[in-house]
Amino acid sequence: MPPADAPTESGTAPPERADAPAEPVVTPPETAGSLSGPADAPAERGGWPSGSADAPPETVGSPADPVDAPPGPPPGPGTAPRAAVPSGNGNGNGNGTEDTLDLKLTEELLALIAEDRGTGAARRDPAGALLGDPATWSPATTGAGVFRLVPVVLERDLAALSRWMNDPAVAAFWELAGPESVTADHLRPQLEGDGRSIPCLGVLDGTPMSYWEIYRADLDPLARHYPARPHDTGVHLLIGGVTNRGRGVGTTLLRAVADLVLDNLPRCGRVVAEPDLRNTSSVAAFLSAGFRFSAEVDLPDKRAALMIRDRTHRDHL
């Protein structure tokens, strides 16, 4: 406000921000980033959790003199309540019969309708519940190893993250090179915010090796630039070590993280990303990870490729 194997990939930057992720498959808000960073795991203050991780449809208005009809059976799943369309000559003097029209609703709208029927009004997500807690998500077993997301702890992780941000390949897109305070200033709004963006370290077989931002795309400035849906969730990422670039790790982890999001956020129907359109290796990594190219979008700091992974197609891509 985050395609096939790429040697160094750039990411996407959050709209309205100058920082952007970079990596084999990176997508920070409004800036895309490419990553090349030390392969060594960060020496952090506070220690690392190491070890393997086992650990709207069209509405039909009623005419002037609608004819009351007896209540019918409730609509089935995926079908909107039937809208009465009186038959006749169109001037309200019908013959007392009604035609009906079945309207199909998307999964996201069905979930919202069910929620509204239970509460009587639209409910806002309480602070801290927008994305859940990635620390509680089960690890993903991938071809590259056991992977999990660990929310950033500033005191522990700042040195490693700042080192990655100062890698020239990363800095070109994220624009966070400089002293540790530069990276800290990027992280604090997320860590102290309402939970709409959660910065995480990607830990592979117990070693921190990538940086991820999981964010609510529908609540992000990105939503001004594409037809966002409720609970769209975005990803930005960068691979922090050169040894993990260019050999398919980014693609593997992108698919794993998208699956973690869809498995743990049932109201999320789509995972989205916006890598820089010029970063062909990143776009290729997203495509290989099951995302589809949706559109080109002009963001404040770049022209991006809008990439989407749909829940309904996750088993086919």
Protein backbone atom coordinates (compact mmCIF):
# COMPACT_ATOMS: atom_id res chain seq x y z
CA MET A 1 0.00 0.00 0.00
CA PRO A 2 2.84 -7.85 -1.75
CA PRO A 3 6.05 -15.97 -11.87
CA ALA A 4 8.60 -19.04 -12.85
CA ASP A 5 11.99 -19.17 -11.28
CA ALA A 6 13.84 -15.93 -11.52
CA PRO A 7 17.44 -15.21 -10.66
CA THR A 8 16.59 -12.00 -8.94
CA GLU A 9 13.11 -10.83 -8.62
CA SER A 10 11.51 -7.61 -7.86
CA GLY A 11 8.54 -6.99 -5.77
CA THR A 12 5.70 -4.69 -5.62
CA ALA A 13 5.41 -1.55 -3.66
CA PRO A 14 2.35 -0.46 -1.68
CA PRO A 15 0.29 2.24 -3.36
CA GLU A 16 0.84 5.63 -1.83
CA ARG A 17 4.16 4.48 -0.38
CA ALA A 18 7.56 4.74 -1.82
CA ASP A 19 8.75 1.46 -0.37
CA ALA A 20 8.48 -1.63 -2.45
CA PRO A 21 9.46 -5.25 -2.10
CA ALA A 22 11.76 -7.00 -4.40
CA GLU A 23 12.61 -10.59 -4.84
CA PRO A 24 11.98 -13.54 -6.97
CA VAL A 25 8.47 -12.69 -6.35
CA VAL A 26 8.12 -9.58 -4.43
CA THR A 27 5.33 -7.16 -4.12
CA PRO A 28 5.45 -4.29 -1.71
CA PRO A 29 2.84 -1.57 -1.94
CA GLU A 30 3.33 0.83 -4.81
CA THR A 31 6.91 -0.20 -5.45
CA ALA A 32 8.38 -3.27 -6.83
CA GLY A 33 11.53 -4.70 -5.46
CA SER A 34 14.16 -7.06 -6.52
CA LEU A 35 16.16 -8.89 -3.98
CA SER A 36 19.67 -9.84 -3.73
CA GLY A 37 20.83 -10.04 -0.21
CA PRO A 38 23.10 -11.90 2.06
CA ALA A 39 22.29 -15.52 2.23
CA ASP A 40 23.29 -15.73 5.82
CA ALA A 41 20.56 -15.74 8.41
CA PRO A 42 20.19 -12.56 10.42
CA ALA A 43 21.92 -12.36 13.72
CA GLU A 44 19.09 -11.02 15.71
CA ARG A 45 18.63 -9.55 19.04
CA GLY A 46 16.39 -11.73 21.08
CA GLY A 47 17.11 -14.93 19.26
CA TRP A 48 15.22 -16.77 16.56
CA PRO A 49 12.48 -19.26 16.74
CA SER A 50 14.70 -21.85 15.12
CA GLY A 51 14.35 -25.46 14.29
CA SER A 52 12.15 -27.14 11.83
CA ALA A 53 8.60 -26.03 11.98
CA ASP A 54 6.56 -28.94 13.13
CA ALA A 55 5.31 -27.11 14.59
CA PRO A 56 -24.02 -6.55 -6.43
CA PRO A 57 -26.29 -8.22 -8.24
CA GLU A 58 -28.69 -6.21 -10.36
CA THR A 59 -31.80 -5.30 -8.42
CA VAL A 60 -35.27 -5.38 -9.86
CA GLY A 61 -37.48 -2.58 -8.67
CA SER A 62 -41.09 -3.27 -7.76
CA PRO A 63 -43.82 -1.58 -9.80
CA ALA A 64 -46.32 0.92 -8.54
CA ASP A 65 -48.89 -1.59 -7.33
CA PRO A 66 -47.04 -4.77 -6.47
CA VAL A 67 -49.09 -7.84 -5.88
CA ASP A 68 -48.37 -9.48 -2.55
CA ALA A 69 -47.34 -13.08 -3.04
CA PRO A 70 -47.33 -15.78 -0.36
CA PRO A 71 -43.87 -16.49 1.01
CA GLY A 72 -42.06 -19.28 -0.79
CA PRO A 73 -39.20 -21.56 0.16
CA PRO A 74 -35.90 -19.87 1.01
CA PRO A 75 -33.45 -19.41 -1.87
CA GLY A 76 -30.79 -22.04 -2.31
CA PRO A 77 -27.03 -21.50 -1.94
CA GLY A 78 -25.63 -19.05 -4.44
CA THR A 79 -29.05 -17.69 -5.35
CA ALA A 80 -30.34 -14.29 -4.38
CA PRO A 81 -33.86 -13.93 -3.02
CA ARG A 82 -36.23 -14.01 -5.93
CA ALA A 83 -37.25 -10.58 -7.18
CA ALA A 84 -40.91 -10.33 -8.06
CA VAL A 85 -41.62 -9.03 -11.56
CA PRO A 86 -45.37 -8.64 -12.03
CA SER A 87 -46.59 -9.66 -15.44
CA GLY A 88 -49.03 -7.55 -17.41
CA ASN A 89 -48.90 -4.54 -19.66
CA GLY A 90 -46.25 -2.69 -17.62
CA ASN A 91 -48.62 -0.06 -16.21
CA GLY A 92 -49.23 -1.81 -12.90
CA ASN A 93 -52.45 -3.47 -14.02
CA GLY A 94 -51.17 -7.02 -14.17
CA ASN A 95 -53.20 -10.16 -13.97
CA GLY A 96 -52.11 -10.97 -10.42
CA THR A 97 -49.34 -13.38 -11.37
CA GLU A 98 -45.62 -12.89 -10.92
CA ASP A 99 -42.53 -13.98 -12.79
CA THR A 100 -39.36 -14.53 -10.83
CA LEU A 101 -35.68 -14.06 -11.60
CA ASP A 102 -32.90 -16.05 -9.95
CA LEU A 103 -29.78 -13.96 -9.40
CA LYS A 104 -26.45 -15.70 -8.83
CA LEU A 105 -24.19 -14.23 -6.16
CA THR A 106 -20.46 -14.58 -5.68
CA GLU A 107 -19.02 -16.45 -2.70
CA GLU A 108 -17.89 -13.18 -1.15
CA LEU A 109 -21.37 -11.63 -1.33
CA LEU A 110 -22.99 -14.75 0.06
CA ALA A 111 -20.68 -14.59 3.07
CA LEU A 112 -21.51 -10.93 3.63
CA ILE A 113 -25.25 -11.53 3.29
CA ALA A 114 -25.13 -14.39 5.78
CA GLU A 115 -23.25 -12.20 8.23
CA ASP A 116 -25.65 -9.28 7.83
CA ARG A 117 -28.66 -11.53 8.37
CA GLY A 118 -27.15 -12.67 11.64
CA THR A 119 -26.32 -9.20 12.95
CA GLY A 120 -28.97 -7.06 11.33
CA ALA A 121 -26.30 -4.67 10.08
CA ALA A 122 -22.90 -4.69 8.49
CA ARG A 123 -20.25 -5.49 11.05
CA ARG A 124 -16.79 -4.01 11.10
CA ASP A 125 -13.84 -6.18 11.89
CA PRO A 126 -12.46 -5.35 15.32
CA ALA A 127 -8.92 -4.04 15.46
CA GLY A 128 -6.45 -6.90 15.37
CA ALA A 129 -8.88 -9.27 13.66
CA LEU A 130 -8.43 -8.08 10.10
CA LEU A 131 -5.87 -10.73 9.19
CA GLY A 132 -5.67 -12.98 12.21
CA ASP A 133 -2.27 -13.97 13.58
CA PRO A 134 0.17 -15.59 11.13
CA ALA A 135 2.17 -16.85 14.11
CA THR A 136 -0.63 -19.37 14.74
CA TRP A 137 -0.74 -20.61 11.15
CA SER A 138 0.59 -24.12 10.69
CA PRO A 139 3.91 -24.48 8.85
CA ALA A 140 3.80 -25.41 5.17
CA THR A 141 5.79 -28.37 3.93
CA THR A 142 7.18 -27.43 0.52
CA GLY A 143 9.67 -28.80 -1.97
CA ALA A 144 12.18 -26.30 -0.60
CA GLY A 145 11.67 -27.30 3.04
CA VAL A 146 9.38 -26.51 5.96
CA PHE A 147 8.26 -22.92 5.74
CA ARG A 148 6.42 -20.65 8.13
CA LEU A 149 5.65 -16.98 8.63
CA VAL A 150 6.91 -15.36 11.82
CA PRO A 151 5.62 -11.85 12.63
CA VAL A 152 8.45 -9.33 12.86
CA VAL A 153 9.76 -8.30 16.26
CA LEU A 154 11.52 -5.00 15.74
CA GLU A 155 14.24 -5.42 18.37
CA ARG A 156 15.08 -8.92 17.18
CA ASP A 157 14.78 -8.56 13.41
CA LEU A 158 15.71 -4.98 12.54
CA ALA A 159 19.41 -5.62 11.90
CA ALA A 160 18.74 -8.44 9.43
CA LEU A 161 15.96 -6.60 7.63
CA SER A 162 18.03 -3.43 7.34
CA ARG A 163 20.89 -5.46 5.88
CA TRP A 164 18.57 -6.92 3.24
CA MET A 165 17.14 -3.48 2.44
CA ASN A 166 20.67 -2.18 1.81
CA ASP A 167 21.34 -4.81 -0.84
CA PRO A 168 21.53 -2.72 -4.06
CA ALA A 169 19.19 -5.07 -5.92
CA VAL A 170 16.59 -4.64 -3.21
CA ALA A 171 17.14 -0.95 -2.57
CA ALA A 172 16.46 -0.16 -6.23
CA PHE A 173 12.81 -1.08 -5.69
CA TRP A 174 12.08 -0.85 -1.96
CA GLU A 175 14.01 2.39 -1.55
CA LEU A 176 14.76 1.67 2.10
CA ALA A 177 18.54 1.77 1.98
CA GLY A 178 20.26 3.64 4.79
CA PRO A 179 20.61 3.31 8.54
CA GLU A 180 18.42 0.95 10.54
CA SER A 181 16.11 3.85 11.38
CA VAL A 182 14.93 3.92 7.75
CA THR A 183 13.72 0.33 7.90
CA ALA A 184 12.33 0.88 11.40
CA ASP A 185 10.25 3.81 10.14
CA HIS A 186 8.80 1.54 7.47
CA LEU A 187 7.92 -1.19 9.96
CA ARG A 188 6.49 0.79 12.87
CA PRO A 189 3.24 1.94 11.22
CA GLN A 190 2.45 -1.70 10.48
CA LEU A 191 3.46 -2.98 13.91
CA GLU A 192 1.55 -0.23 15.72
CA GLY A 193 -1.41 -0.05 13.33
CA ASP A 194 -4.82 -1.70 13.32
CA GLY A 195 -3.61 -4.97 11.84
CA ARG A 196 -4.40 -4.29 8.21
CA SER A 197 -0.77 -5.04 7.31
CA ILE A 198 1.43 -7.58 9.09
CA PRO A 199 5.19 -7.69 8.41
CA CYS A 200 6.62 -11.19 8.68
CA LEU A 201 9.88 -13.04 8.28
CA GLY A 202 9.80 -16.12 6.09
CA VAL A 203 11.59 -18.92 7.94
CA LEU A 204 12.70 -21.90 5.87
CA ASP A 205 13.89 -24.95 7.79
CA GLY A 206 14.49 -22.74 10.82
CA THR A 207 16.44 -20.03 8.97
CA PRO A 208 15.01 -16.54 8.31
CA MET A 209 15.49 -15.97 4.57
CA SER A 210 12.73 -13.69 3.28
CA TYR A 211 10.51 -10.77 4.21
CA TRP A 212 6.74 -10.70 3.65
CA GLU A 213 3.94 -8.23 4.13
CA ILE A 214 0.45 -9.71 4.36
CA TYR A 215 -2.09 -6.92 4.00
CA ARG A 216 -5.76 -6.23 3.38
CA ALA A 217 -5.73 -5.05 -0.21
CA ASP A 218 -9.34 -3.86 0.00
CA LEU A 219 -8.32 -1.46 2.80
CA ASP A 220 -5.07 -0.40 1.13
CA PRO A 221 -4.52 2.53 -1.27
CA LEU A 222 -4.16 -0.16 -3.94
CA ALA A 223 -7.95 -0.55 -3.83
CA ARG A 224 -8.27 2.83 -5.58
CA HIS A 225 -6.64 1.34 -8.65
CA TYR A 226 -8.55 -1.89 -9.25
CA PRO A 227 -12.05 -3.31 -8.57
CA ALA A 228 -11.30 -4.59 -5.07
CA ARG A 229 -13.56 -7.08 -3.33
CA PRO A 230 -14.18 -7.36 0.41
CA HIS A 231 -11.36 -9.23 2.16
CA ASP A 232 -8.98 -9.25 -0.81
CA THR A 233 -5.59 -9.99 0.77
CA GLY A 234 -2.30 -8.84 -0.73
CA VAL A 235 1.29 -10.01 -0.46
CA HIS A 236 4.62 -8.22 -0.82
CA LEU A 237 7.86 -10.12 -0.50
CA LEU A 238 11.56 -10.20 -0.99
CA ILE A 239 14.10 -12.98 -0.80
CA GLY A 240 16.91 -11.98 1.52
CA GLY A 241 19.70 -14.23 0.37
CA VAL A 242 21.24 -14.68 -3.07
CA THR A 243 21.54 -18.43 -2.57
CA ASN A 244 17.75 -18.66 -2.53
CA ARG A 245 17.27 -16.71 -5.73
CA GLY A 246 16.99 -17.97 -9.25
CA ARG A 247 16.27 -21.59 -8.42
CA GLY A 248 12.51 -21.64 -7.96
CA VAL A 249 12.36 -20.96 -4.23
CA GLY A 250 10.38 -17.75 -4.72
CA THR A 251 7.74 -19.51 -6.79
CA THR A 252 7.47 -22.34 -4.28
CA LEU A 253 7.07 -19.99 -1.33
CA LEU A 254 4.60 -17.75 -3.15
CA ARG A 255 2.28 -20.69 -3.68
CA ALA A 256 2.74 -21.77 -0.06
CA VAL A 257 1.96 -18.32 1.33
CA ALA A 258 -1.10 -17.90 -0.91
CA ASP A 259 -2.35 -21.27 0.37
CA LEU A 260 -1.69 -20.24 3.98
CA VAL A 261 -3.74 -17.08 3.45
CA LEU A 262 -6.66 -18.91 1.86
CA ASP A 263 -6.58 -21.70 4.46
CA ASN A 264 -6.51 -19.35 7.44
CA LEU A 265 -8.71 -16.49 6.19
CA PRO A 266 -11.96 -18.15 5.07
CA ARG A 267 -13.57 -14.84 4.11
CA CYS A 268 -10.75 -14.05 1.68
CA GLY A 269 -11.71 -15.04 -1.86
CA ARG A 270 -8.59 -13.78 -3.61
CA VAL A 271 -4.90 -13.21 -2.96
CA VAL A 272 -3.53 -10.30 -4.96
CA ALA A 273 -0.14 -8.81 -5.80
CA GLU A 274 1.17 -5.96 -7.95
CA PRO A 275 4.75 -6.57 -9.13
CA ASP A 276 6.36 -3.98 -11.36
CA LEU A 277 5.36 -4.76 -14.93
CA ARG A 278 9.00 -4.44 -15.99
CA ASN A 279 10.02 -7.19 -13.59
CA THR A 280 9.27 -10.05 -15.94
CA SER A 281 10.94 -12.65 -13.70
CA SER A 282 8.67 -11.68 -10.82
CA VAL A 283 5.55 -11.78 -13.00
CA ALA A 284 6.64 -15.20 -14.26
CA ALA A 285 7.09 -16.45 -10.69
CA PHE A 286 3.55 -15.37 -9.79
CA LEU A 287 2.15 -17.12 -12.84
CA SER A 288 4.01 -20.30 -11.93
CA ALA A 289 2.65 -20.04 -8.38
CA GLY A 290 -0.97 -20.20 -9.56
CA PHE A 291 -1.69 -16.49 -9.95
CA ARG A 292 -3.27 -15.12 -13.11
CA PHE A 293 -2.51 -11.85 -14.83
CA SER A 294 -5.57 -9.62 -14.44
CA ALA A 295 -4.64 -6.17 -15.70
CA GLU A 296 -2.03 -3.46 -15.93
CA VAL A 297 -2.55 -0.76 -13.32
CA ASP A 298 -0.94 2.64 -12.98
CA LEU A 299 0.18 3.15 -9.39
CA PRO A 300 1.81 6.34 -8.07
CA ASP A 301 5.32 4.88 -8.32
CA LYS A 302 5.08 2.30 -11.08
CA ARG A 303 3.05 0.54 -13.72
CA ALA A 304 2.16 -2.78 -12.18
CA ALA A 305 0.87 -6.16 -13.22
CA LEU A 306 -2.18 -7.00 -11.13
CA MET A 307 -1.82 -10.68 -10.25
CA ILE A 308 -4.67 -12.63 -8.65
CA ARG A 309 -4.98 -16.11 -7.20
CA ASP A 310 -8.63 -17.09 -6.84
CA ARG A 311 -9.86 -19.40 -4.12
CA THR A 312 -12.25 -21.06 -6.56
CA HIS A 313 -9.41 -21.94 -8.96
CA ARG A 314 -6.67 -22.77 -6.48
CA ASP A 315 -6.90 -26.50 -7.15
CA HIS A 316 -6.59 -26.04 -10.90
CA LEU A 317 -3.68 -23.59 -11.14
